[in-house]
N, C-alpha and C. Protein backbone atom coordinates (compact mmCIF):
# COMPACT_ATOMS: atom_id res chain seq x y z
N UNK A 1 -18.37 -18.60 -17.28
CA UNK A 1 -18.71 -19.54 -16.24
C UNK A 1 -19.14 -18.78 -15.00
N UNK A 2 -20.34 -19.02 -14.56
CA UNK A 2 -20.87 -18.36 -13.38
C UNK A 2 -21.25 -19.43 -12.38
N UNK A 3 -20.73 -19.32 -11.19
CA UNK A 3 -21.09 -20.25 -10.14
C UNK A 3 -21.79 -19.48 -9.03
N UNK A 4 -22.86 -20.04 -8.54
CA UNK A 4 -23.63 -19.40 -7.49
C UNK A 4 -23.73 -20.35 -6.31
N UNK A 5 -23.43 -19.86 -5.16
CA UNK A 5 -23.51 -20.65 -3.94
C UNK A 5 -24.63 -20.09 -3.07
N UNK A 6 -25.48 -20.98 -2.58
CA UNK A 6 -26.55 -20.56 -1.68
C UNK A 6 -26.38 -21.31 -0.38
N UNK A 7 -26.24 -20.55 0.68
CA UNK A 7 -26.15 -21.14 2.01
C UNK A 7 -26.81 -20.22 3.00
N UNK A 8 -27.77 -20.72 3.69
CA UNK A 8 -28.51 -20.00 4.72
C UNK A 8 -29.05 -18.65 4.22
N UNK A 9 -29.61 -18.65 3.02
CA UNK A 9 -30.24 -17.45 2.50
C UNK A 9 -29.31 -16.46 1.84
N UNK A 10 -28.00 -16.68 1.84
CA UNK A 10 -27.04 -15.78 1.22
C UNK A 10 -26.63 -16.34 -0.14
N UNK A 11 -26.46 -15.46 -1.11
CA UNK A 11 -25.99 -15.88 -2.42
C UNK A 11 -24.68 -15.18 -2.72
N UNK A 12 -23.79 -15.90 -3.34
CA UNK A 12 -22.51 -15.33 -3.76
C UNK A 12 -22.23 -15.83 -5.17
N UNK A 13 -21.84 -14.95 -6.03
CA UNK A 13 -21.55 -15.38 -7.40
C UNK A 13 -20.11 -15.03 -7.74
N UNK A 14 -19.55 -15.82 -8.60
CA UNK A 14 -18.18 -15.65 -9.03
C UNK A 14 -18.19 -15.59 -10.56
N UNK A 15 -17.98 -14.41 -11.10
CA UNK A 15 -17.97 -14.26 -12.55
C UNK A 15 -16.54 -14.13 -13.03
N UNK A 16 -16.21 -14.85 -14.09
CA UNK A 16 -14.88 -14.77 -14.65
C UNK A 16 -13.91 -15.71 -13.97
N UNK A 17 -12.63 -15.58 -14.33
CA UNK A 17 -11.62 -16.46 -13.80
C UNK A 17 -11.22 -16.13 -12.37
N UNK A 18 -11.01 -14.85 -12.08
CA UNK A 18 -10.54 -14.44 -10.76
C UNK A 18 -11.56 -13.53 -10.09
N UNK A 19 -11.80 -13.75 -8.81
CA UNK A 19 -12.69 -12.82 -8.11
C UNK A 19 -12.05 -11.45 -7.94
N UNK A 20 -12.87 -10.48 -7.66
CA UNK A 20 -12.41 -9.09 -7.55
C UNK A 20 -11.38 -8.92 -6.44
N UNK A 21 -11.55 -9.60 -5.32
CA UNK A 21 -10.60 -9.48 -4.20
C UNK A 21 -9.24 -10.04 -4.58
N UNK A 22 -9.22 -11.11 -5.34
CA UNK A 22 -7.94 -11.69 -5.74
C UNK A 22 -7.20 -10.78 -6.72
N UNK A 23 -7.92 -10.15 -7.62
CA UNK A 23 -7.30 -9.20 -8.56
C UNK A 23 -6.72 -8.02 -7.80
N UNK A 24 -7.45 -7.54 -6.79
CA UNK A 24 -6.96 -6.43 -5.97
C UNK A 24 -5.70 -6.83 -5.21
N UNK A 25 -5.68 -8.07 -4.72
CA UNK A 25 -4.50 -8.56 -4.01
C UNK A 25 -3.30 -8.69 -4.93
N UNK A 26 -3.53 -9.16 -6.14
CA UNK A 26 -2.44 -9.29 -7.12
C UNK A 26 -1.89 -7.92 -7.49
N UNK A 27 -2.76 -6.94 -7.67
CA UNK A 27 -2.31 -5.58 -7.99
C UNK A 27 -1.48 -5.00 -6.85
N UNK A 28 -1.96 -5.17 -5.62
CA UNK A 28 -1.24 -4.63 -4.48
C UNK A 28 0.12 -5.31 -4.32
N UNK A 29 0.17 -6.61 -4.50
CA UNK A 29 1.44 -7.34 -4.38
C UNK A 29 2.42 -6.92 -5.47
N UNK A 30 1.93 -6.72 -6.68
CA UNK A 30 2.84 -6.30 -7.75
C UNK A 30 3.35 -4.88 -7.53
N UNK A 31 2.55 -4.00 -6.98
CA UNK A 31 3.01 -2.64 -6.68
C UNK A 31 4.02 -2.67 -5.54
N UNK A 32 3.81 -3.51 -4.54
CA UNK A 32 4.78 -3.64 -3.45
C UNK A 32 6.10 -4.17 -3.97
N UNK A 33 6.06 -5.17 -4.87
CA UNK A 33 7.29 -5.70 -5.46
C UNK A 33 7.99 -4.65 -6.32
N UNK A 34 7.21 -3.87 -7.07
CA UNK A 34 7.79 -2.82 -7.90
C UNK A 34 8.47 -1.76 -7.04
N UNK A 35 7.84 -1.37 -5.93
CA UNK A 35 8.47 -0.38 -5.05
C UNK A 35 9.72 -0.95 -4.40
N UNK A 36 9.73 -2.25 -4.11
CA UNK A 36 10.93 -2.88 -3.57
C UNK A 36 12.08 -2.78 -4.56
N UNK A 37 11.82 -3.10 -5.82
CA UNK A 37 12.88 -3.03 -6.83
C UNK A 37 13.35 -1.61 -7.07
N UNK A 38 12.44 -0.66 -7.05
CA UNK A 38 12.82 0.74 -7.25
C UNK A 38 13.71 1.22 -6.11
N UNK A 39 13.42 0.79 -4.90
CA UNK A 39 14.19 1.26 -3.74
C UNK A 39 15.52 0.53 -3.58
N UNK A 40 15.61 -0.72 -3.93
CA UNK A 40 16.81 -1.51 -3.65
C UNK A 40 17.71 -1.72 -4.86
N UNK A 41 17.18 -1.73 -6.05
CA UNK A 41 17.97 -2.07 -7.22
C UNK A 41 19.09 -1.08 -7.54
N UNK A 42 18.88 0.24 -7.53
CA UNK A 42 19.97 1.15 -7.92
C UNK A 42 21.22 1.02 -7.05
N UNK A 43 21.03 1.02 -5.74
CA UNK A 43 22.20 0.93 -4.86
C UNK A 43 22.84 -0.44 -4.92
N UNK A 44 22.04 -1.49 -5.11
CA UNK A 44 22.59 -2.84 -5.20
C UNK A 44 23.43 -2.99 -6.46
N UNK A 45 22.95 -2.48 -7.57
CA UNK A 45 23.73 -2.53 -8.82
C UNK A 45 25.02 -1.73 -8.66
N UNK A 46 24.92 -0.56 -8.05
CA UNK A 46 26.11 0.25 -7.84
C UNK A 46 27.12 -0.47 -6.96
N UNK A 47 26.63 -1.16 -5.92
CA UNK A 47 27.53 -1.89 -5.02
C UNK A 47 28.19 -3.07 -5.74
N UNK A 48 27.45 -3.78 -6.57
CA UNK A 48 28.02 -4.90 -7.33
C UNK A 48 29.08 -4.39 -8.30
N UNK A 49 28.82 -3.28 -8.96
CA UNK A 49 29.81 -2.70 -9.87
C UNK A 49 31.05 -2.24 -9.10
N UNK A 50 30.85 -1.75 -7.88
CA UNK A 50 31.97 -1.32 -7.06
C UNK A 50 32.82 -2.52 -6.62
N UNK A 51 32.20 -3.65 -6.37
CA UNK A 51 32.95 -4.85 -5.98
C UNK A 51 33.89 -5.30 -7.10
N UNK A 52 33.44 -5.16 -8.33
CA UNK A 52 34.26 -5.55 -9.48
C UNK A 52 35.11 -4.39 -10.01
N UNK A 53 35.25 -3.33 -9.24
CA UNK A 53 36.06 -2.17 -9.59
C UNK A 53 35.65 -1.53 -10.91
N UNK A 54 34.37 -1.47 -11.15
CA UNK A 54 33.84 -0.77 -12.33
C UNK A 54 33.25 0.54 -11.82
N UNK A 55 33.91 1.64 -12.15
CA UNK A 55 33.46 2.95 -11.67
C UNK A 55 32.57 3.59 -12.72
N UNK A 56 31.30 3.60 -12.43
CA UNK A 56 30.34 4.21 -13.34
C UNK A 56 29.89 5.56 -12.81
N UNK A 57 29.63 5.61 -11.51
CA UNK A 57 29.15 6.84 -10.88
C UNK A 57 30.15 7.32 -9.84
N UNK A 58 30.02 8.57 -9.52
CA UNK A 58 30.81 9.16 -8.45
C UNK A 58 30.39 8.52 -7.11
N UNK A 59 31.32 8.21 -6.22
CA UNK A 59 30.95 7.58 -4.94
C UNK A 59 29.98 8.39 -4.10
N UNK A 60 29.90 9.69 -4.34
CA UNK A 60 28.93 10.50 -3.59
C UNK A 60 27.49 10.09 -3.91
N UNK A 61 27.27 9.58 -5.11
CA UNK A 61 25.93 9.14 -5.47
C UNK A 61 25.51 7.91 -4.69
N UNK A 62 26.49 7.15 -4.24
CA UNK A 62 26.15 5.97 -3.45
C UNK A 62 25.45 6.34 -2.16
N UNK A 63 25.85 7.45 -1.55
CA UNK A 63 25.18 7.91 -0.33
C UNK A 63 23.72 8.29 -0.61
N UNK A 64 23.49 8.87 -1.75
CA UNK A 64 22.12 9.23 -2.13
C UNK A 64 21.31 7.97 -2.40
N UNK A 65 21.92 7.00 -3.09
CA UNK A 65 21.21 5.75 -3.40
C UNK A 65 20.92 4.94 -2.14
N UNK A 66 21.78 5.06 -1.13
CA UNK A 66 21.54 4.34 0.12
C UNK A 66 20.31 4.88 0.85
N UNK A 67 19.95 6.11 0.60
CA UNK A 67 18.77 6.69 1.25
C UNK A 67 17.47 6.10 0.71
N UNK A 68 17.54 5.37 -0.39
CA UNK A 68 16.34 4.73 -0.93
C UNK A 68 15.94 3.48 -0.15
N UNK A 69 16.89 2.85 0.56
CA UNK A 69 16.59 1.62 1.29
C UNK A 69 15.43 1.79 2.27
N UNK A 70 15.48 2.77 3.18
CA UNK A 70 14.40 2.88 4.15
C UNK A 70 13.07 3.31 3.55
N UNK A 71 13.10 3.89 2.36
CA UNK A 71 11.84 4.30 1.74
C UNK A 71 10.95 3.10 1.42
N UNK A 72 11.55 1.96 1.21
CA UNK A 72 10.76 0.76 0.95
C UNK A 72 9.86 0.45 2.14
N UNK A 73 10.39 0.57 3.33
CA UNK A 73 9.59 0.31 4.53
C UNK A 73 8.53 1.39 4.73
N UNK A 74 8.77 2.58 4.25
CA UNK A 74 7.78 3.64 4.36
C UNK A 74 6.67 3.50 3.32
N UNK A 75 6.99 2.96 2.15
CA UNK A 75 6.00 2.82 1.09
C UNK A 75 4.98 1.72 1.36
N UNK A 76 5.40 0.64 2.03
CA UNK A 76 4.50 -0.50 2.21
C UNK A 76 3.21 -0.15 2.96
N UNK A 77 3.25 0.56 4.09
CA UNK A 77 1.98 0.92 4.73
C UNK A 77 1.14 1.88 3.90
N UNK A 78 1.80 2.77 3.16
CA UNK A 78 1.06 3.70 2.31
C UNK A 78 0.32 2.95 1.22
N UNK A 79 1.00 2.00 0.59
CA UNK A 79 0.37 1.19 -0.45
C UNK A 79 -0.79 0.39 0.13
N UNK A 80 -0.59 -0.18 1.31
CA UNK A 80 -1.65 -0.94 1.95
C UNK A 80 -2.88 -0.08 2.22
N UNK A 81 -2.66 1.14 2.71
CA UNK A 81 -3.79 2.03 2.99
C UNK A 81 -4.48 2.49 1.72
N UNK A 82 -3.73 2.68 0.64
CA UNK A 82 -4.36 3.09 -0.61
C UNK A 82 -5.26 1.99 -1.17
N UNK A 83 -4.90 0.74 -0.92
CA UNK A 83 -5.72 -0.36 -1.42
C UNK A 83 -6.83 -0.76 -0.45
N UNK A 84 -6.78 -0.29 0.78
CA UNK A 84 -7.80 -0.61 1.78
C UNK A 84 -8.38 0.69 2.32
N UNK A 85 -9.12 1.37 1.49
CA UNK A 85 -9.63 2.68 1.86
C UNK A 85 -10.67 2.62 2.98
N UNK A 86 -11.24 1.46 3.21
CA UNK A 86 -12.24 1.36 4.28
C UNK A 86 -11.61 1.47 5.66
N UNK A 87 -10.29 1.38 5.77
CA UNK A 87 -9.62 1.50 7.06
C UNK A 87 -9.57 2.95 7.55
N UNK A 88 -9.58 3.89 6.62
CA UNK A 88 -9.55 5.30 6.99
C UNK A 88 -10.96 5.87 6.88
N UNK A 89 -11.52 6.34 7.97
CA UNK A 89 -12.90 6.82 7.92
C UNK A 89 -13.07 8.07 7.06
N UNK A 90 -12.03 8.84 6.87
CA UNK A 90 -12.18 10.06 6.08
C UNK A 90 -12.31 9.76 4.58
N UNK A 91 -11.90 8.56 4.14
CA UNK A 91 -11.98 8.22 2.72
C UNK A 91 -13.25 7.46 2.36
N UNK A 92 -14.00 7.03 3.37
CA UNK A 92 -15.18 6.24 3.06
C UNK A 92 -16.31 7.16 2.62
N UNK A 93 -17.15 6.69 1.71
CA UNK A 93 -18.26 7.53 1.26
C UNK A 93 -19.27 7.82 2.36
N UNK A 94 -19.32 6.99 3.38
CA UNK A 94 -20.25 7.21 4.48
C UNK A 94 -19.84 8.40 5.34
N UNK A 95 -18.55 8.74 5.35
CA UNK A 95 -18.09 9.83 6.20
C UNK A 95 -18.63 11.18 5.73
N UNK A 96 -18.95 11.33 4.46
CA UNK A 96 -19.48 12.59 3.96
C UNK A 96 -20.92 12.78 4.41
N UNK A 97 -21.63 11.68 4.68
CA UNK A 97 -23.02 11.77 5.09
C UNK A 97 -23.19 12.00 6.59
N UNK A 98 -22.14 11.79 7.35
CA UNK A 98 -22.25 11.90 8.80
C UNK A 98 -22.31 13.36 9.24
N UNK A 99 -23.22 13.62 10.13
CA UNK A 99 -23.26 14.92 10.78
C UNK A 99 -23.11 14.67 12.27
N UNK A 100 -22.28 15.43 12.87
CA UNK A 100 -22.00 15.25 14.28
C UNK A 100 -22.73 16.32 15.07
N UNK A 101 -23.42 15.87 16.10
CA UNK A 101 -24.11 16.81 16.97
C UNK A 101 -23.13 17.32 18.00
N UNK A 102 -23.25 18.58 18.29
CA UNK A 102 -22.35 19.15 19.29
C UNK A 102 -22.80 18.68 20.68
N UNK A 103 -21.84 18.49 21.50
CA UNK A 103 -22.10 18.03 22.86
C UNK A 103 -22.01 19.24 23.78
N UNK A 104 -23.00 19.42 24.58
CA UNK A 104 -23.02 20.54 25.50
C UNK A 104 -22.13 20.21 26.69
N UNK A 105 -21.25 21.12 26.99
CA UNK A 105 -20.34 20.91 28.11
C UNK A 105 -20.70 21.85 29.25
N UNK A 106 -20.38 21.42 30.43
CA UNK A 106 -20.62 22.27 31.60
C UNK A 106 -19.30 22.64 32.21
N UNK A 107 -19.25 23.82 32.74
CA UNK A 107 -18.02 24.32 33.35
C UNK A 107 -18.00 23.91 34.82
N UNK A 108 -16.94 23.28 35.23
CA UNK A 108 -16.82 22.87 36.62
C UNK A 108 -15.65 23.60 37.25
N UNK A 109 -15.81 23.92 38.50
CA UNK A 109 -14.74 24.58 39.25
C UNK A 109 -14.40 23.74 40.45
N UNK A 110 -13.18 23.85 40.87
CA UNK A 110 -12.72 23.08 42.02
C UNK A 110 -12.55 23.98 43.21
């Protein structure tokens, strides 16, 4: 199924069930959810087991698992930037074509 919209000289087509932007959004959301579970699940399971007095791991490991919590907040901007490469000029293909002219400076004295 192909739908084509024409408005004021512009054409846009939609091939398939989901547009490319929506697939990209779904991938990014699933990776963010996966990183959330990776960062929060181990310590949460350990805490639940500790509440029911089930000792599986040494309590020292709980301190290590607690360090995963803030990593979730650090991963989200990184994931966002990886999926939106146009935000960083060094990753865009146009940045390789740019040549910068040197600016001549003058020395001033006071």
